[in-house]
Protein backbone atom coordinates (compact mmCIF):
# COMPACT_ATOMS: atom_id res chain seq x y z
CA MET A 1 0.00 0.00 0.00
CA SER A 2 1.30 3.46 -0.89
CA SER A 3 2.00 6.03 1.76
CA GLU A 4 -0.88 8.11 0.36
CA SER A 5 -3.60 5.53 1.14
CA PRO A 6 -6.33 6.50 3.64
CA LEU A 7 -4.67 4.21 6.21
CA SER A 8 -1.75 6.59 6.47
CA THR A 9 -3.06 10.06 5.55
CA GLY A 10 -4.06 12.65 8.14
CA LEU A 11 -7.33 12.31 10.03
CA GLU A 12 -8.71 15.65 8.85
CA SER A 13 -8.26 14.99 5.10
CA SER A 14 -9.72 11.47 5.48
CA ALA A 15 -12.77 12.77 7.32
CA VAL A 16 -13.29 15.35 4.54
CA ALA A 17 -13.06 12.56 1.98
CA VAL A 18 -15.73 10.58 3.82
CA ALA A 19 -18.02 13.57 3.95
CA GLU A 20 -17.53 14.31 0.23
CA ALA A 21 -18.16 10.68 -0.69
CA GLY A 22 -21.28 10.44 1.46
CA ALA A 23 -20.14 7.30 3.29
CA ALA A 24 -22.25 6.29 6.27
CA ARG A 25 -20.78 6.90 9.72
CA ALA A 26 -21.38 4.32 12.44
CA PRO A 27 -23.78 5.45 15.18
CA ILE A 28 -22.32 6.19 18.62
CA PRO A 29 -22.98 3.38 21.14
CA SER A 30 -25.37 4.28 23.97
CA ASN A 31 -22.69 3.48 26.55
CA GLU A 32 -19.97 5.47 24.75
CA ALA A 33 -18.83 7.45 27.80
CA SER A 34 -18.27 4.39 29.98
CA ARG A 35 -16.85 2.46 27.00
CA LEU A 36 -14.16 5.09 26.47
CA LEU A 37 -13.32 5.03 30.19
CA ALA A 38 -13.04 1.24 30.03
CA LEU A 39 -10.70 1.47 27.01
CA GLN A 40 -8.58 4.08 28.78
CA ALA A 41 -8.19 1.76 31.77
CA TYR A 42 -6.25 -0.72 29.63
CA ASP A 43 -3.69 1.97 28.65
CA ILE A 44 -3.08 0.19 25.33
CA MET A 45 -3.65 2.85 22.69
CA ASP A 46 -0.40 3.75 20.90
CA SER A 47 1.53 1.04 22.74
CA GLY A 48 4.37 -0.81 21.07
CA GLN A 49 4.19 -3.85 18.83
CA GLU A 50 3.85 -7.17 20.68
CA ALA A 51 4.43 -10.58 19.12
CA ARG A 52 1.57 -12.23 21.01
CA TYR A 53 -1.00 -9.94 19.42
CA ASP A 54 0.65 -10.36 16.01
CA ASP A 55 0.43 -14.14 16.38
CA ILE A 56 -3.32 -13.96 16.97
CA ALA A 57 -3.85 -11.66 13.98
CA LEU A 58 -1.80 -14.02 11.80
CA LEU A 59 -3.74 -17.03 13.04
CA ALA A 60 -7.05 -15.28 12.28
CA SER A 61 -5.85 -14.48 8.75
CA GLN A 62 -4.81 -18.07 8.13
CA ILE A 63 -7.93 -19.68 9.64
CA CYS A 64 -10.26 -17.42 7.66
CA ARG A 65 -8.04 -17.52 4.56
CA THR A 66 -7.88 -13.76 4.15
CA PRO A 67 -4.90 -11.65 3.09
CA MET A 68 -5.54 -9.06 5.79
CA ALA A 69 -6.33 -9.09 9.53
CA LEU A 70 -6.42 -6.40 12.20
CA ILE A 71 -6.67 -6.00 15.93
CA SER A 72 -8.38 -2.61 16.05
CA LEU A 73 -9.32 -0.41 19.03
CA ILE A 74 -11.81 2.44 18.74
CA ASN A 75 -11.49 5.64 20.77
CA GLU A 76 -13.43 8.90 20.38
CA ASP A 77 -11.96 9.93 17.02
CA ARG A 78 -9.94 7.10 15.50
CA GLN A 79 -9.36 3.41 15.15
CA TRP A 80 -5.85 2.32 16.05
CA PHE A 81 -4.25 -0.97 15.07
CA LYS A 82 -2.58 -2.92 17.85
CA SER A 83 -1.66 -5.52 15.22
CA LYS A 84 -2.04 -5.72 11.44
CA ILE A 85 -1.44 -8.36 8.77
CA GLY A 86 -1.30 -7.37 5.07
CA LEU A 87 -1.81 -3.65 5.70
CA ASP A 88 0.32 -0.54 6.07
CA GLY A 89 -0.43 2.37 8.39
CA THR A 90 -1.36 2.34 12.08
CA GLU A 91 -4.75 4.06 12.25
CA THR A 92 -7.69 5.61 10.40
CA PRO A 93 -10.33 8.16 11.36
CA ARG A 94 -13.20 6.60 13.27
CA ASP A 95 -15.52 7.84 10.52
CA LEU A 96 -13.82 5.44 8.08
CA ALA A 97 -13.71 2.48 10.44
CA ILE A 98 -15.91 -0.49 9.61
CA CYS A 99 -14.82 -1.76 13.03
CA ALA A 100 -16.82 1.14 14.49
CA HIS A 101 -19.92 -0.81 13.45
CA VAL A 102 -18.70 -3.94 15.22
CA ILE A 103 -18.78 -2.31 18.67
CA LEU A 104 -22.51 -1.66 18.24
CA GLU A 105 -23.21 -5.39 18.51
CA PRO A 106 -20.94 -6.81 21.23
CA ASP A 107 -22.59 -10.24 21.09
CA ASN A 108 -22.21 -10.92 17.36
CA VAL A 109 -19.66 -11.24 14.59
CA PHE A 110 -20.25 -8.35 12.20
CA THR A 111 -19.92 -9.41 8.51
CA VAL A 112 -20.06 -7.64 5.16
CA ALA A 113 -20.08 -10.03 2.19
CA ASP A 114 -19.45 -7.32 -0.45
CA ALA A 115 -18.82 -3.78 0.70
CA ARG A 116 -19.48 -2.37 -2.82
CA LEU A 117 -23.08 -3.58 -2.54
CA ASP A 118 -23.63 -2.31 1.02
CA HIS A 119 -24.92 1.28 1.06
CA ARG A 120 -23.11 1.92 4.37
CA PHE A 121 -19.68 1.28 2.86
CA SER A 122 -19.94 1.55 -0.91
CA ALA A 123 -18.60 5.14 -0.84
CA ASN A 124 -15.97 4.49 1.85
CA PRO A 125 -12.47 5.46 0.57
CA LEU A 126 -11.16 2.17 1.97
CA VAL A 127 -13.58 0.38 -0.38
CA THR A 128 -13.34 2.61 -3.42
CA GLY A 129 -9.57 2.86 -3.08
CA ALA A 130 -6.72 1.01 -1.41
CA PRO A 131 -6.86 -1.43 0.25
CA HIS A 132 -10.06 -2.15 -1.81
CA ILE A 133 -12.06 -3.85 0.95
CA ARG A 134 -14.77 -6.19 -0.31
CA PHE A 135 -15.29 -8.79 2.39
CA TYR A 136 -15.12 -7.89 6.11
CA ALA A 137 -15.78 -9.91 9.27
CA GLY A 138 -15.15 -8.54 12.76
CA ALA A 139 -15.49 -10.18 16.18
CA PRO A 140 -15.90 -7.62 19.00
CA LEU A 141 -13.30 -7.29 21.74
CA VAL A 142 -15.55 -7.27 24.81
CA SER A 143 -14.25 -6.47 28.29
CA ALA A 144 -15.32 -8.34 31.41
CA ASP A 145 -17.79 -5.57 32.21
CA GLY A 146 -19.45 -5.80 28.76
CA HIS A 147 -17.85 -2.91 26.89
CA ALA A 148 -16.94 -3.47 23.22
CA LEU A 149 -13.55 -1.80 22.83
CA GLY A 150 -12.71 -2.72 19.25
CA ALA A 151 -12.53 -5.71 16.94
CA LEU A 152 -10.47 -8.60 15.67
CA CYS A 153 -11.28 -8.46 11.97
CA VAL A 154 -10.35 -10.24 8.75
CA ILE A 155 -10.49 -8.52 5.34
CA ASP A 156 -10.46 -9.75 1.75
CA ARG A 157 -10.34 -8.01 -1.62
CA GLU A 158 -12.84 -10.48 -2.99
CA PRO A 159 -16.51 -10.85 -1.96
CA ARG A 160 -17.23 -13.96 0.12
CA HIS A 161 -19.08 -15.39 3.14
CA LEU A 162 -17.76 -16.52 6.53
CA PRO A 163 -18.47 -20.21 7.28
CA PRO A 164 -19.77 -21.03 10.81
CA ASP A 165 -16.53 -22.77 11.86
CA GLN A 166 -14.45 -19.72 10.90
CA LYS A 167 -16.92 -17.48 12.69
CA ASP A 168 -16.53 -19.54 15.86
CA ALA A 169 -12.76 -19.48 15.51
CA LEU A 170 -12.78 -15.67 15.08
CA LEU A 171 -14.85 -15.29 18.27
CA ALA A 172 -12.49 -17.59 20.16
CA LEU A 173 -9.48 -15.60 19.01
CA SER A 174 -11.14 -12.32 19.97
CA ARG A 175 -11.51 -13.69 23.49
CA GLN A 176 -7.81 -14.48 23.51
CA VAL A 177 -7.06 -10.88 22.55
CA MET A 178 -9.13 -9.71 25.50
CA ALA A 179 -7.31 -12.17 27.76
CA LEU A 180 -4.03 -10.57 26.71
CA MET A 181 -5.46 -7.12 27.36
CA GLU A 182 -6.69 -8.17 30.81
CA GLU A 183 -3.28 -9.61 31.56
CA ARG A 184 -1.71 -6.35 30.47
CA ARG A 185 -3.98 -4.32 32.72
CA THR A 186 -3.41 -6.66 35.68
CA SER A 187 0.35 -6.56 35.16
CA ALA A 188 0.28 -2.77 35.00
CA ALA A 189 -1.77 -2.65 38.19
CA LEU A 190 0.67 -5.02 39.87
CA ARG A 191 3.63 -2.95 38.74
CA GLY A 192 1.94 0.16 40.10
CA ALA A 193 1.19 -1.60 43.36
CA MET A 194 4.75 -2.88 43.62
CA GLN A 195 6.13 0.58 42.95
CA ALA A 196 3.81 2.03 45.60
CA LEU A 197 4.82 -0.74 47.99
CA THR A 198 8.48 -0.09 47.29
CA ARG A 199 8.00 3.61 48.02
CA SER A 200 6.01 2.78 51.13
CA GLU A 201 8.64 0.32 52.33
CA ALA A 202 11.35 2.90 51.74
CA LEU A 203 9.45 5.45 53.82
CA PHE A 204 8.79 2.88 56.54
CA ARG A 205 12.42 1.76 56.52
CA GLU A 206 13.60 5.34 56.88
CA ALA A 207 11.14 6.01 59.71
CA TYR A 208 11.99 2.65 61.31
CA GLU A 209 15.74 3.15 61.21
CA ASN A 210 15.62 6.80 62.31
CA ALA A 211 12.99 6.42 65.03
CA PRO A 212 14.14 7.91 68.35
CA ILE A 213 12.87 4.83 70.24
CA GLY A 214 13.74 1.18 69.84
CA ILE A 215 11.56 -0.74 67.38
CA ALA A 216 11.78 -4.48 66.78
CA LEU A 217 9.99 -7.35 65.09
CA VAL A 218 9.97 -10.39 67.37
CA SER A 219 8.94 -13.95 66.53
CA PRO A 220 6.18 -15.68 68.58
CA GLU A 221 8.98 -17.70 70.18
CA GLY A 222 10.85 -14.57 71.24
CA GLU A 223 13.64 -14.28 68.65
CA TRP A 224 14.60 -10.79 67.54
CA LEU A 225 13.81 -10.81 63.81
CA ARG A 226 14.65 -7.21 63.02
CA VAL A 227 15.87 -4.35 65.19
CA ASN A 228 16.55 -0.69 64.55
CA GLN A 229 19.63 1.30 65.47
CA SER A 230 18.01 3.03 68.45
CA LEU A 231 17.38 -0.33 70.11
CA CYS A 232 20.96 -1.42 69.41
CA ASP A 233 22.27 1.79 70.95
CA MET A 234 19.98 1.40 73.95
CA LEU A 235 21.10 -2.15 74.74
CA GLY A 236 24.70 -2.00 73.53
CA TYR A 237 24.41 -4.79 70.96
CA ALA A 238 25.06 -4.84 67.24
CA ALA A 239 22.02 -5.76 65.15
CA ASP A 240 23.42 -9.17 64.17
CA GLU A 241 24.13 -9.94 67.84
CA LEU A 242 20.56 -9.21 68.87
CA THR A 243 19.06 -11.25 66.02
CA ARG A 244 21.01 -14.28 67.25
CA THR A 245 19.31 -14.17 70.66
CA THR A 246 15.84 -13.80 72.23
CA PHE A 247 14.13 -11.13 74.29
CA GLN A 248 13.92 -13.66 77.13
CA ALA A 249 17.72 -13.91 77.26
CA ILE A 250 18.20 -10.18 77.88
CA THR A 251 15.17 -9.52 80.09
CA HIS A 252 15.82 -8.97 83.81
CA PRO A 253 14.87 -12.22 85.60
CA GLU A 254 12.47 -10.44 87.95
CA ASP A 255 10.49 -9.01 85.02
CA LEU A 256 10.49 -12.04 82.72
CA GLU A 257 7.47 -13.95 84.03
CA SER A 258 5.21 -10.88 83.90
CA ASP A 259 6.23 -10.27 80.30
CA LEU A 260 5.73 -13.91 79.32
CA LEU A 261 2.27 -13.98 80.90
CA LEU A 262 1.21 -11.05 78.72
CA VAL A 263 2.75 -12.73 75.67
CA ARG A 264 0.75 -15.90 76.38
CA ARG A 265 -2.46 -13.89 76.78
CA MET A 266 -1.83 -12.13 73.48
CA LEU A 267 -1.15 -15.42 71.66
CA ALA A 268 -4.40 -16.76 73.15
CA ARG A 269 -6.15 -13.65 71.76
CA GLU A 270 -7.28 -12.57 75.21
CA ILE A 271 -5.70 -9.14 74.64
CA ARG A 272 -4.77 -7.23 71.45
CA THR A 273 -1.91 -5.14 72.87
CA TYR A 274 -0.06 -4.67 76.10
CA GLN A 275 2.26 -2.16 77.72
CA MET A 276 4.57 -2.62 80.67
CA GLU A 277 7.65 -1.20 82.33
CA LYS A 278 10.48 -3.70 82.45
CA ARG A 279 14.23 -3.99 82.65
CA TYR A 280 16.50 -5.24 79.89
CA LEU A 281 20.06 -6.32 80.49
CA HIS A 282 22.60 -4.16 78.68
CA ARG A 283 25.49 -5.91 76.95
CA THR A 284 27.75 -4.67 79.76
CA GLY A 285 25.44 -6.21 82.38
CA HIS A 286 23.63 -3.22 83.89
CA ALA A 287 19.82 -2.88 83.81
CA VAL A 288 18.10 -0.58 81.33
CA TRP A 289 14.58 0.48 82.27
CA ALA A 290 12.19 0.54 79.31
CA LEU A 291 8.55 1.20 78.53
CA LEU A 292 7.53 -1.72 76.29
CA SER A 293 4.47 -1.49 74.00
CA VAL A 294 3.58 -4.62 72.04
CA SER A 295 1.13 -5.59 69.30
CA LEU A 296 0.86 -8.84 67.32
CA VAL A 297 0.50 -9.34 63.56
CA TRP A 298 -1.59 -12.36 62.50
CA ASP A 299 -1.95 -14.29 59.25
CA LYS A 300 -5.56 -15.35 59.73
CA LEU A 301 -5.15 -17.95 62.52
CA ARG A 302 -1.35 -17.98 62.65
CA PRO A 303 0.67 -15.42 64.64
CA LEU A 304 3.45 -13.96 62.50
CA TYR A 305 5.45 -11.56 64.66
CA PHE A 306 5.24 -9.06 67.50
CA ILE A 307 5.86 -5.38 66.89
CA SER A 308 7.68 -4.03 69.95
CA GLN A 309 8.24 -0.35 70.68
CA ILE A 310 10.83 0.10 73.40
CA GLN A 311 11.40 3.49 75.01
CA ASP A 312 14.35 4.05 77.34
CA ILE A 313 12.96 5.39 80.64
CA THR A 314 16.13 4.87 82.72
CA GLU A 315 16.55 8.62 83.22
CA ARG A 316 12.96 8.96 84.36
CA LYS A 317 13.44 6.07 86.75
CA ASN A 318 16.58 7.70 88.14
CA ILE A 319 14.64 10.91 88.74
CA GLU A 320 11.87 8.94 90.42
CA ARG A 321 14.48 7.17 92.52
CA GLY A 322 15.84 10.53 93.66
CA LYS A 323 12.37 11.66 94.62
CA ALA A 324 11.75 8.36 96.36
CA GLU A 325 14.97 8.64 98.34
CA PHE A 326 13.96 12.12 99.47
CA LEU A 327 10.50 10.93 100.45
CA THR A 328 11.99 7.94 102.23
CA MET A 329 14.29 10.18 104.20
CA VAL A 330 11.38 12.43 105.16
CA SER A 331 9.24 9.42 106.00
CA HIS A 332 11.90 7.97 108.29
CA GLU A 333 12.12 11.34 110.02
CA LEU A 334 8.33 11.45 110.37
CA ARG A 335 7.82 7.88 111.58
CA THR A 336 9.00 8.45 115.16
CA PRO A 337 7.04 11.65 115.85
CA VAL A 338 3.94 10.25 114.15
CA THR A 339 4.14 7.12 116.28
CA ALA A 340 4.53 9.25 119.40
CA LEU A 341 1.62 11.46 118.32
CA ARG A 342 -0.65 8.45 117.76
CA GLY A 343 0.34 7.07 121.15
CA ALA A 344 -0.40 10.35 122.89
CA LEU A 345 -3.74 10.71 121.20
CA GLY A 346 -4.61 7.14 122.18
CA ILE A 347 -3.78 7.86 125.78
CA LEU A 348 -5.93 11.01 125.73
CA ALA A 349 -8.82 9.15 124.13
CA ALA A 350 -8.54 6.41 126.81
CA GLY A 351 -9.08 9.03 129.53
CA ALA A 352 -5.63 8.97 131.07
CA ALA A 353 -5.82 12.72 131.54
CA GLY A 354 -9.39 12.60 132.72
CA GLU A 355 -12.62 12.66 130.79
CA LEU A 356 -12.49 15.13 127.92
CA PRO A 357 -15.36 17.47 127.15
CA PRO A 358 -17.37 16.54 124.00
CA LYS A 359 -15.71 19.19 121.82
CA ALA A 360 -12.24 18.06 122.88
CA GLN A 361 -13.21 14.42 122.22
CA ALA A 362 -14.28 15.35 118.67
CA LEU A 363 -11.03 17.22 118.04
CA THR A 364 -8.99 14.33 119.46
CA ALA A 365 -10.82 11.84 117.23
CA LEU A 366 -10.16 14.07 114.17
CA ALA A 367 -6.47 14.33 115.08
CA ASP A 368 -6.29 10.56 115.58
CA ARG A 369 -7.82 9.88 112.12
CA ASN A 370 -5.37 12.22 110.42
CA ALA A 371 -2.43 10.82 112.38
CA ASP A 372 -3.49 7.35 111.30
CA ARG A 373 -3.69 8.49 107.68
CA LEU A 374 -0.23 10.04 107.93
CA HIS A 375 1.07 6.81 109.46
CA ARG A 376 -0.31 4.78 106.52
CA LEU A 377 1.22 7.24 104.05
CA VAL A 378 4.63 6.94 105.75
CA ASN A 379 4.37 3.14 105.60
CA ASP A 380 3.39 3.23 101.92
CA ILE A 381 6.34 5.45 101.06
CA LEU A 382 8.70 3.13 102.91
CA ASP A 383 7.19 0.14 101.09
CA ILE A 384 7.83 1.86 97.77
CA GLU A 385 11.44 2.46 98.75
CA LYS A 386 11.89 -1.19 99.73
CA ILE A 387 10.33 -2.40 96.47
CA GLU A 388 12.55 -0.22 94.33
CA SER A 389 15.69 -1.10 96.29
CA GLY A 390 14.91 -4.82 96.20
CA ALA A 391 14.60 -4.99 99.99
CA PHE A 392 10.87 -5.73 100.01
CA ALA A 393 10.65 -9.13 101.71
CA TYR A 394 8.61 -11.96 100.20
CA ARG A 395 7.87 -15.26 101.94
CA ARG A 396 6.31 -17.65 99.45
CA THR A 397 4.31 -20.66 100.56
CA ASP A 398 1.65 -22.84 98.97
CA ILE A 399 -1.67 -21.06 99.54
CA ASP A 400 -5.32 -21.37 98.53
CA LEU A 401 -6.33 -18.04 96.99
CA ASN A 402 -10.00 -18.78 97.71
CA GLN A 403 -9.31 -18.74 101.47
CA LEU A 404 -7.23 -15.59 101.17
CA VAL A 405 -9.97 -13.73 99.27
CA THR A 406 -12.59 -14.79 101.82
CA GLN A 407 -10.36 -13.67 104.69
CA ALA A 408 -9.78 -10.28 103.06
CA ALA A 409 -13.52 -9.76 102.58
CA VAL A 410 -14.25 -10.65 106.22
CA GLU A 411 -11.57 -8.27 107.53
CA LEU A 412 -12.79 -5.40 105.34
CA ARG A 413 -16.53 -5.77 106.03
CA PRO A 414 -16.46 -3.41 109.05
CA TYR A 415 -14.76 -0.82 106.81
CA ALA A 416 -17.38 -1.40 104.09
CA ASP A 417 -20.17 -1.04 106.65
CA GLN A 418 -19.05 2.54 107.28
CA TYR A 419 -19.92 3.26 103.61
CA HIS A 420 -23.07 1.07 103.69
CA VAL A 421 -21.53 -1.18 101.02
CA LYS A 422 -21.75 -5.00 100.81
CA ILE A 423 -18.89 -7.30 99.77
CA GLU A 424 -19.85 -10.51 97.97
CA VAL A 425 -17.31 -13.25 97.22
CA ARG A 426 -17.67 -16.09 94.71
CA SER A 427 -15.27 -18.55 93.12
CA ASP A 428 -15.48 -20.79 90.06
CA LEU A 429 -12.77 -23.02 91.51
CA PRO A 430 -13.03 -25.51 94.41
CA ARG A 431 -9.34 -24.83 95.13
CA ALA A 432 -7.08 -22.07 93.81
CA PHE A 433 -3.57 -23.09 94.78
CA LEU A 434 -0.65 -20.72 94.27
CA HIS A 435 2.95 -20.49 95.48
CA ALA A 436 2.91 -16.94 96.76
CA ASP A 437 3.37 -14.59 99.70
CA ALA A 438 0.02 -14.61 101.49
CA ASP A 439 0.67 -11.37 103.41
CA ARG A 440 1.63 -9.45 100.26
CA LEU A 441 -1.40 -10.74 98.32
CA MET A 442 -3.56 -9.79 101.29
CA GLN A 443 -2.08 -6.30 101.00
CA VAL A 444 -3.13 -6.21 97.31
CA LEU A 445 -6.63 -7.52 98.04
CA ALA A 446 -7.08 -5.01 100.86
CA ASN A 447 -6.07 -2.16 98.56
CA LEU A 448 -8.35 -3.21 95.69
CA ILE A 449 -11.38 -3.94 97.90
CA SER A 450 -10.99 -0.77 100.00
CA ASN A 451 -10.68 1.30 96.81
CA ALA A 452 -13.85 -0.34 95.46
CA VAL A 453 -15.65 0.42 98.74
CA LYS A 454 -14.67 4.10 98.58
CA HIS A 455 -15.89 4.42 95.00
CA SER A 456 -19.18 2.53 95.44
CA PRO A 457 -22.50 4.30 96.03
CA SER A 458 -24.17 3.94 99.39
CA GLY A 459 -26.16 0.71 99.37
CA GLY A 460 -24.00 -0.71 96.61
CA THR A 461 -22.36 -4.13 96.30
CA ILE A 462 -18.78 -5.10 95.47
CA ASP A 463 -18.24 -8.40 93.64
CA VAL A 464 -15.01 -10.28 94.32
CA HIS A 465 -14.77 -13.12 91.82
CA VAL A 466 -12.09 -15.84 91.59
CA THR A 467 -11.87 -17.49 88.18
CA ARG A 468 -9.36 -19.11 85.85
CA THR A 469 -7.95 -18.42 82.39
CA ASP A 470 -5.91 -20.90 80.36
CA GLN A 471 -2.70 -20.45 82.30
CA SER A 472 -3.50 -18.33 85.34
CA ILE A 473 -5.88 -17.68 88.24
CA ARG A 474 -7.68 -14.36 88.10
CA VAL A 475 -9.31 -12.26 90.83
CA ASN A 476 -11.79 -9.56 89.78
CA VAL A 477 -12.88 -6.78 92.16
CA THR A 478 -15.86 -4.97 90.64
CA ASP A 479 -17.59 -1.85 91.91
CA ARG A 480 -20.60 0.01 90.53
CA GLY A 481 -19.27 3.50 91.04
CA ASP A 482 -18.68 6.37 88.66
CA GLY A 483 -15.85 4.73 86.69
CA ILE A 484 -12.43 6.23 86.04
CA PRO A 485 -12.27 9.38 83.89
CA GLU A 486 -10.38 9.01 80.62
CA GLU A 487 -7.69 11.52 81.57
CA PHE A 488 -6.58 9.46 84.61
CA ARG A 489 -6.57 5.97 83.07
CA ARG A 490 -3.14 6.00 81.46
CA ASP A 491 -1.29 6.82 84.68
CA ILE A 492 -3.56 5.11 87.22
CA PHE A 493 -0.78 2.79 88.44
CA GLU A 494 1.82 5.55 88.74
CA LYS A 495 2.77 7.00 92.11
CA PHE A 496 0.28 9.53 93.42
CA ALA A 497 -1.81 9.32 90.22
CA GLN A 498 -4.74 7.97 92.20
CA ALA A 499 -4.37 10.82 94.62
CA ASN A 500 -4.81 13.29 91.76
CA TRP A 501 -7.94 11.47 90.64
CA THR A 502 -9.47 10.98 94.08
CA ALA A 503 -8.76 14.59 94.94
CA THR A 504 -11.33 15.57 92.34
CA ASN A 505 -14.06 13.41 93.87
CA ARG A 506 -13.03 13.54 97.56
CA LYS A 507 -12.50 9.80 97.96
CA GLY A 508 -9.13 10.14 99.68
CA GLY A 509 -6.11 7.86 99.36
CA SER A 510 -2.38 8.38 99.09
CA GLY A 511 -2.13 7.32 95.45
CA LEU A 512 0.56 4.74 96.29
CA GLY A 513 -1.58 1.66 96.92
CA LEU A 514 -2.06 0.68 93.28
CA ASN A 515 1.61 1.28 92.51
CA ILE A 516 2.62 -0.99 95.39
CA SER A 517 0.01 -3.58 94.42
CA ARG A 518 1.25 -3.69 90.83
CA ALA A 519 4.82 -4.20 92.01
CA ILE A 520 3.74 -7.08 94.27
CA ILE A 521 1.77 -8.79 91.49
CA GLN A 522 4.59 -8.32 88.98
CA HIS A 523 7.05 -9.80 91.46
CA HIS A 524 4.83 -12.89 91.50
CA GLY A 525 5.01 -13.03 87.69
CA GLY A 526 1.47 -11.72 87.28
CA VAL A 527 -0.44 -8.81 85.82
CA LEU A 528 -2.57 -6.14 87.50
CA ALA A 529 -4.98 -4.27 85.21
CA PHE A 530 -8.44 -2.76 85.08
CA GLU A 531 -11.54 -2.24 82.97
CA THR A 532 -13.78 0.76 83.48
CA GLU A 533 -16.76 2.58 82.05
CA VAL A 534 -17.79 6.03 83.17
CA GLY A 535 -21.17 5.92 84.89
CA VAL A 536 -21.11 2.10 85.18
CA GLY A 537 -18.16 1.17 87.36
CA SER A 538 -14.73 -0.45 87.33
CA THR A 539 -13.16 -3.88 87.62
CA PHE A 540 -9.61 -4.15 88.89
CA TYR A 541 -8.14 -7.60 88.45
CA PHE A 542 -4.90 -9.48 88.84
CA GLU A 543 -3.76 -12.72 87.26
CA LEU A 544 -1.13 -15.04 88.71
CA PRO A 545 0.47 -18.11 87.12
CA ILE A 546 -1.08 -21.42 88.15
CA LEU A 547 0.97 -23.51 90.53
């Protein structure tokens, strides 16, 4: 074909030729707008030559015994040839395209036995001139959503008919063209997704490596899978040294069981995340205090890895230790005069100085209550100092937690009666054996139950419930009070945090009881936590490993 044929001339001159010849233009499909969007989604117009498309066009030409075959795509103003056999040029105006008629009937093969005898095409320059089309058959290229995007067509210079077997073959080949186009679109989408993923991974890697806190991926068994530089700096290890060990190996022995209990609960899907303060062992041997926050990534039913965020809080702990040492010093200085004051007030109340007038008795009773409160505060501060220095004594024996809970409830009932609150105890277990310090657990139970009493409404009931999870015994202490405000929840176990909260609702308390209780439970390898809802109440609970 010469370079001046309508297949290679400009679109404007060809359109003028069509108009002058009076050739019929194909109607616009009713779904033209969505059809053009569908075609655009394949991003195939004006793409390069591809052998797979050429092979299909060649096969169509040979099966149908025609000298010419095209894979043609129709956009708003032209038909473009993805592949061509026996023809020059790459496109024609849409007005000239017989394939533009094919897309009007996406369910059928469009055939023209003799274009010279068909009024729609007899004046078409492609019929009256080169390439002298007589016979035409086109199978539509139909997308999965039903849009006809173009045609696989065969062309002859002699009039003829298309036998049924060739028609079926042409339809089958048109489906193969669409399969290639779908593959192209899917591959492009995958490439785009991979590029986006690569960019995202690069951003994550940069954030991960430059994060000011330690970040690590940890296997369900505890191996360090990946660690960032901040964690290496914090613990004194090179990355390859850490990834050859486990978190268990460099966790302080006193903190390990508490951490493992939370890990087991997370693997059992009892909790989604957890946070705790713990000590890691630096490569040189000294302890590094850290705030550990952990979440777990799952693959459906299989745990993949933990994401651990590890913040160095050693400096904060040192500051707290300085404050604690100051408070301890003050408390030691206060203990003797407070003891003497309580003794003197007791003697006065007993009438050693004669019977006091009613007003003096009231003032003495007020002084005695405040002296007693100051005495408890001094003892709490000294307990904190002993816990943090490691001097807090524990005497573990085999105990039945059921008996201990019942004893605590009995001893605290007179206190609850002052608030007109009932204490109810129930257990799901006939025996709840633990190897623990009974006195220290009694201290925890007394703190939790007395707190619940103070925050219960008059006439209310506190439920103390002993139950069991998969690997631990759990004690719940539930009140029906006002619940804990959101702003106090995060720091509820910190020193004096409870005092800040109770100061707003006049419930009293030093704010040290929960901090001491948490330390006692953690020393036993357990967890102390809470659930609360404003206006409904709170449940404080601890879990301890089963004997």
